[in-house]
Amino acid sequence: MTSSAVDPQQLEQVRRRVMLALFVALAVALHTVEVLLPNPIPWFRIGLANILALTALFSYGIQALWIVSISRILIGSMLLGSLFSPGFLLSLGGGLAANILMSIGYKLWQPKIGPVGVSILGALGHVTGQLLIAWLVVIRHPSIWMLLPFFLLFALISGIVNGLAADYLLGSLYKHPVFSGLKKIKTDKSQPSV
């Protein structure tokens, strides 16, 4: 019986693609379930799918964050039949703003910022992006900005919750052999991560 040598770099690329596809599929599923749940506040959801975007960011980097987030928004909107609707535009605007802030925060402050800090940045960006799109497309009235402090408070809470969930998920994944080659989140106590 013959065996072929497997190129470790090629194997890692395939593994990365498979894991990103899994993250996208799970993010779409969470997005779909969350849309079907009743909302306590209009336009507000806790953003459970962001847990997988954060996991992708801390596992594979900024490009993976964008792949998971944008794919989730597009595929989720197609599945729900809301592609190019006002709800889709709100989701896309919020997602773009969130990804920009998370990418900048991760790039500038890594390893001093952890999943909770990046998640808070993303949640605050998402709310601000959504209100901007709502003001530009849906409700062209300046009083919409009076909702911003209220939404920012809820975004802070959801950012903390999602960041803690992503941190827990990352801790579990790093124990699995598939993720053994990934860089770990810095656990040095002299430089705590947010």
Protein backbone atom coordinates (compact mmCIF):
# COMPACT_ATOMS: atom_id res chain seq x y z
CA MET A 1 0.00 0.00 0.00
CA THR A 2 1.36 3.41 -0.90
CA SER A 3 0.86 6.59 1.02
CA SER A 4 1.24 10.09 -0.24
CA ALA A 5 2.79 12.90 1.71
CA VAL A 6 0.35 15.64 2.51
CA ASP A 7 1.60 19.19 2.23
CA PRO A 8 0.98 20.69 5.69
CA GLN A 9 0.45 24.18 4.26
CA GLN A 10 -2.14 22.93 1.77
CA LEU A 11 -3.85 20.92 4.51
CA GLU A 12 -4.04 24.04 6.70
CA GLN A 13 -5.58 26.07 3.84
CA VAL A 14 -8.24 23.41 3.28
CA ARG A 15 -8.90 23.22 7.01
CA ARG A 16 -9.26 27.02 7.16
CA ARG A 17 -11.76 27.03 4.28
CA VAL A 18 -13.81 24.26 5.87
CA MET A 19 -13.90 26.02 9.23
CA LEU A 20 -14.85 29.36 7.65
CA ALA A 21 -17.66 27.63 5.74
CA LEU A 22 -18.83 26.10 9.02
CA PHE A 23 -18.67 29.50 10.75
CA VAL A 24 -20.71 31.06 7.91
CA ALA A 25 -23.32 28.28 8.03
CA LEU A 26 -23.70 28.56 11.79
CA ALA A 27 -23.84 32.38 11.61
CA VAL A 28 -26.60 32.19 8.97
CA ALA A 29 -28.53 29.73 11.14
CA LEU A 30 -28.22 31.97 14.22
CA HIS A 31 -29.15 35.04 12.17
CA THR A 32 -32.25 33.31 10.81
CA VAL A 33 -33.37 32.05 14.21
CA GLU A 34 -32.83 35.46 15.78
CA VAL A 35 -34.89 37.21 13.09
CA LEU A 36 -37.78 34.85 13.80
CA LEU A 37 -37.73 35.61 17.53
CA PRO A 38 -39.82 38.52 18.84
CA ASN A 39 -37.93 41.82 19.31
CA PRO A 40 -38.21 43.71 22.59
CA ILE A 41 -37.13 46.91 20.80
CA PRO A 42 -37.58 47.75 17.09
CA TRP A 43 -34.40 47.31 15.01
CA PHE A 44 -32.62 45.71 17.95
CA ARG A 45 -31.32 42.17 18.15
CA ILE A 46 -28.61 40.83 20.40
CA GLY A 47 -26.57 39.73 17.36
CA LEU A 48 -25.79 36.13 18.22
CA ALA A 49 -24.27 35.55 14.78
CA ASN A 50 -21.54 38.02 15.73
CA ILE A 51 -20.17 35.38 18.11
CA LEU A 52 -19.03 33.39 15.08
CA ALA A 53 -17.62 36.47 13.34
CA LEU A 54 -15.55 37.19 16.47
CA THR A 55 -14.43 33.57 16.60
CA ALA A 56 -13.33 33.77 12.97
CA LEU A 57 -11.49 37.04 13.65
CA PHE A 58 -9.51 35.68 16.59
CA SER A 59 -8.90 32.35 14.86
CA TYR A 60 -8.02 33.40 11.31
CA GLY A 61 -7.75 37.19 11.18
CA ILE A 62 -9.50 40.24 9.77
CA GLN A 63 -10.26 38.75 6.35
CA ALA A 64 -12.15 35.89 8.02
CA LEU A 65 -14.22 38.40 10.01
CA TRP A 66 -15.35 40.09 6.78
CA ILE A 67 -16.05 36.76 5.04
CA VAL A 68 -18.26 35.48 7.87
CA SER A 69 -20.09 38.78 8.46
CA ILE A 70 -20.85 39.75 4.87
CA SER A 71 -21.72 36.18 3.85
CA ARG A 72 -24.08 35.91 6.81
CA ILE A 73 -25.86 39.14 5.89
CA LEU A 74 -26.22 38.23 2.19
CA ILE A 75 -27.16 34.56 2.62
CA GLY A 76 -29.44 35.24 5.60
CA SER A 77 -31.28 37.96 3.68
CA MET A 78 -31.71 35.70 0.67
CA LEU A 79 -33.09 32.89 2.85
CA LEU A 80 -35.51 35.24 4.59
CA GLY A 81 -36.58 36.93 1.35
CA SER A 82 -35.45 40.37 2.48
CA LEU A 83 -32.57 40.98 0.07
CA PHE A 84 -32.43 44.71 -0.86
CA SER A 85 -35.27 45.56 1.54
CA PRO A 86 -34.92 48.32 4.14
CA GLY A 87 -34.16 45.63 6.73
CA PHE A 88 -31.34 44.31 4.55
CA LEU A 89 -29.92 47.82 4.12
CA LEU A 90 -30.03 48.35 7.89
CA SER A 91 -28.27 45.05 8.48
CA LEU A 92 -25.66 45.72 5.81
CA GLY A 93 -24.97 49.28 7.01
CA GLY A 94 -24.66 48.12 10.60
CA GLY A 95 -22.50 45.16 9.60
CA LEU A 96 -20.11 47.31 7.56
CA ALA A 97 -19.72 49.85 10.38
CA ALA A 98 -19.24 47.07 12.93
CA ASN A 99 -16.64 45.29 10.79
CA ILE A 100 -14.71 48.51 10.23
CA LEU A 101 -14.52 49.25 13.96
CA MET A 102 -13.71 45.65 14.90
CA SER A 103 -10.98 45.46 12.26
CA ILE A 104 -9.40 48.74 13.39
CA GLY A 105 -9.63 47.80 17.06
CA TYR A 106 -8.15 44.35 16.46
CA LYS A 107 -5.33 45.68 14.27
CA LEU A 108 -4.37 48.59 16.52
CA TRP A 109 -4.69 47.03 19.97
CA GLN A 110 -4.02 43.30 19.50
CA PRO A 111 -3.04 41.55 21.85
CA LYS A 112 -4.24 44.07 24.45
CA ILE A 113 -7.86 43.82 23.31
CA GLY A 114 -9.79 40.58 23.55
CA PRO A 115 -13.10 39.30 22.20
CA VAL A 116 -15.17 41.34 24.68
CA GLY A 117 -13.52 44.64 23.73
CA VAL A 118 -13.75 43.94 20.00
CA SER A 119 -17.36 42.82 20.41
CA ILE A 120 -18.27 46.07 22.19
CA LEU A 121 -16.67 48.07 19.36
CA GLY A 122 -18.66 46.03 16.84
CA ALA A 123 -21.95 46.43 18.69
CA LEU A 124 -21.52 50.19 19.02
CA GLY A 125 -20.58 50.44 15.34
CA HIS A 126 -23.52 48.29 14.29
CA VAL A 127 -26.05 50.47 16.09
CA THR A 128 -24.51 53.67 14.74
CA GLY A 129 -24.40 52.27 11.19
CA GLN A 130 -28.01 51.14 11.41
CA LEU A 131 -29.22 54.53 12.62
CA LEU A 132 -27.26 56.25 9.85
CA ILE A 133 -28.88 54.02 7.21
CA ALA A 134 -32.30 54.49 8.86
CA TRP A 135 -31.81 58.25 8.72
CA LEU A 136 -30.62 58.17 5.09
CA VAL A 137 -33.14 55.67 3.70
CA VAL A 138 -36.13 55.11 6.00
CA ILE A 139 -36.81 58.07 8.32
CA ARG A 140 -35.26 61.30 7.11
CA HIS A 141 -35.83 63.16 10.38
CA PRO A 142 -33.14 64.42 12.79
CA SER A 143 -35.06 63.21 15.85
CA ILE A 144 -34.03 59.64 15.01
CA TRP A 145 -30.64 60.47 16.55
CA MET A 146 -32.37 60.86 19.92
CA LEU A 147 -32.56 57.05 19.96
CA LEU A 148 -28.77 56.72 19.74
CA PRO A 149 -27.97 56.85 23.50
CA PHE A 150 -30.69 54.29 24.24
CA PHE A 151 -29.47 51.95 21.50
CA LEU A 152 -25.82 52.41 22.51
CA LEU A 153 -26.66 51.22 26.04
CA PHE A 154 -28.27 48.04 24.69
CA ALA A 155 -25.37 47.61 22.24
CA LEU A 156 -22.92 47.78 25.13
CA ILE A 157 -24.80 45.01 26.95
CA SER A 158 -25.10 42.81 23.85
CA GLY A 159 -21.44 43.44 23.00
CA ILE A 160 -20.38 42.20 26.41
CA VAL A 161 -22.64 39.12 26.21
CA ASN A 162 -21.47 38.20 22.69
CA GLY A 163 -17.83 38.87 23.56
CA LEU A 164 -17.99 36.59 26.59
CA ALA A 165 -19.67 33.87 24.50
CA ALA A 166 -17.00 34.21 21.79
CA ASP A 167 -14.24 34.08 24.41
CA TYR A 168 -15.73 30.87 25.83
CA LEU A 169 -16.09 29.37 22.35
CA LEU A 170 -12.50 30.26 21.47
CA GLY A 171 -11.26 28.67 24.69
CA SER A 172 -13.10 25.47 23.79
CA LEU A 173 -11.92 25.47 20.17
CA TYR A 174 -8.26 25.99 21.08
CA LYS A 175 -8.39 22.72 23.05
CA HIS A 176 -9.40 20.85 19.87
CA PRO A 177 -6.59 19.38 17.71
CA VAL A 178 -7.94 21.08 14.57
CA PHE A 179 -7.12 24.47 16.09
CA SER A 180 -3.78 23.49 17.61
CA GLY A 181 -1.83 25.44 14.97
CA LEU A 182 -3.64 28.71 15.61
CA LYS A 183 -2.24 31.46 17.74
CA LYS A 184 -3.79 31.57 21.16
CA ILE A 185 -5.30 34.63 22.76
CA LYS A 186 -2.68 36.19 24.99
CA THR A 187 -3.23 35.04 28.55
CA ASP A 188 -0.35 36.97 30.12
CA LYS A 189 -1.72 38.52 33.33
CA SER A 190 0.60 41.54 33.07
CA GLN A 191 -1.27 42.72 29.95
CA PRO A 192 -4.95 41.95 30.46
CA SER A 193 -7.18 41.84 27.42
CA VAL A 194 -10.51 43.62 27.44
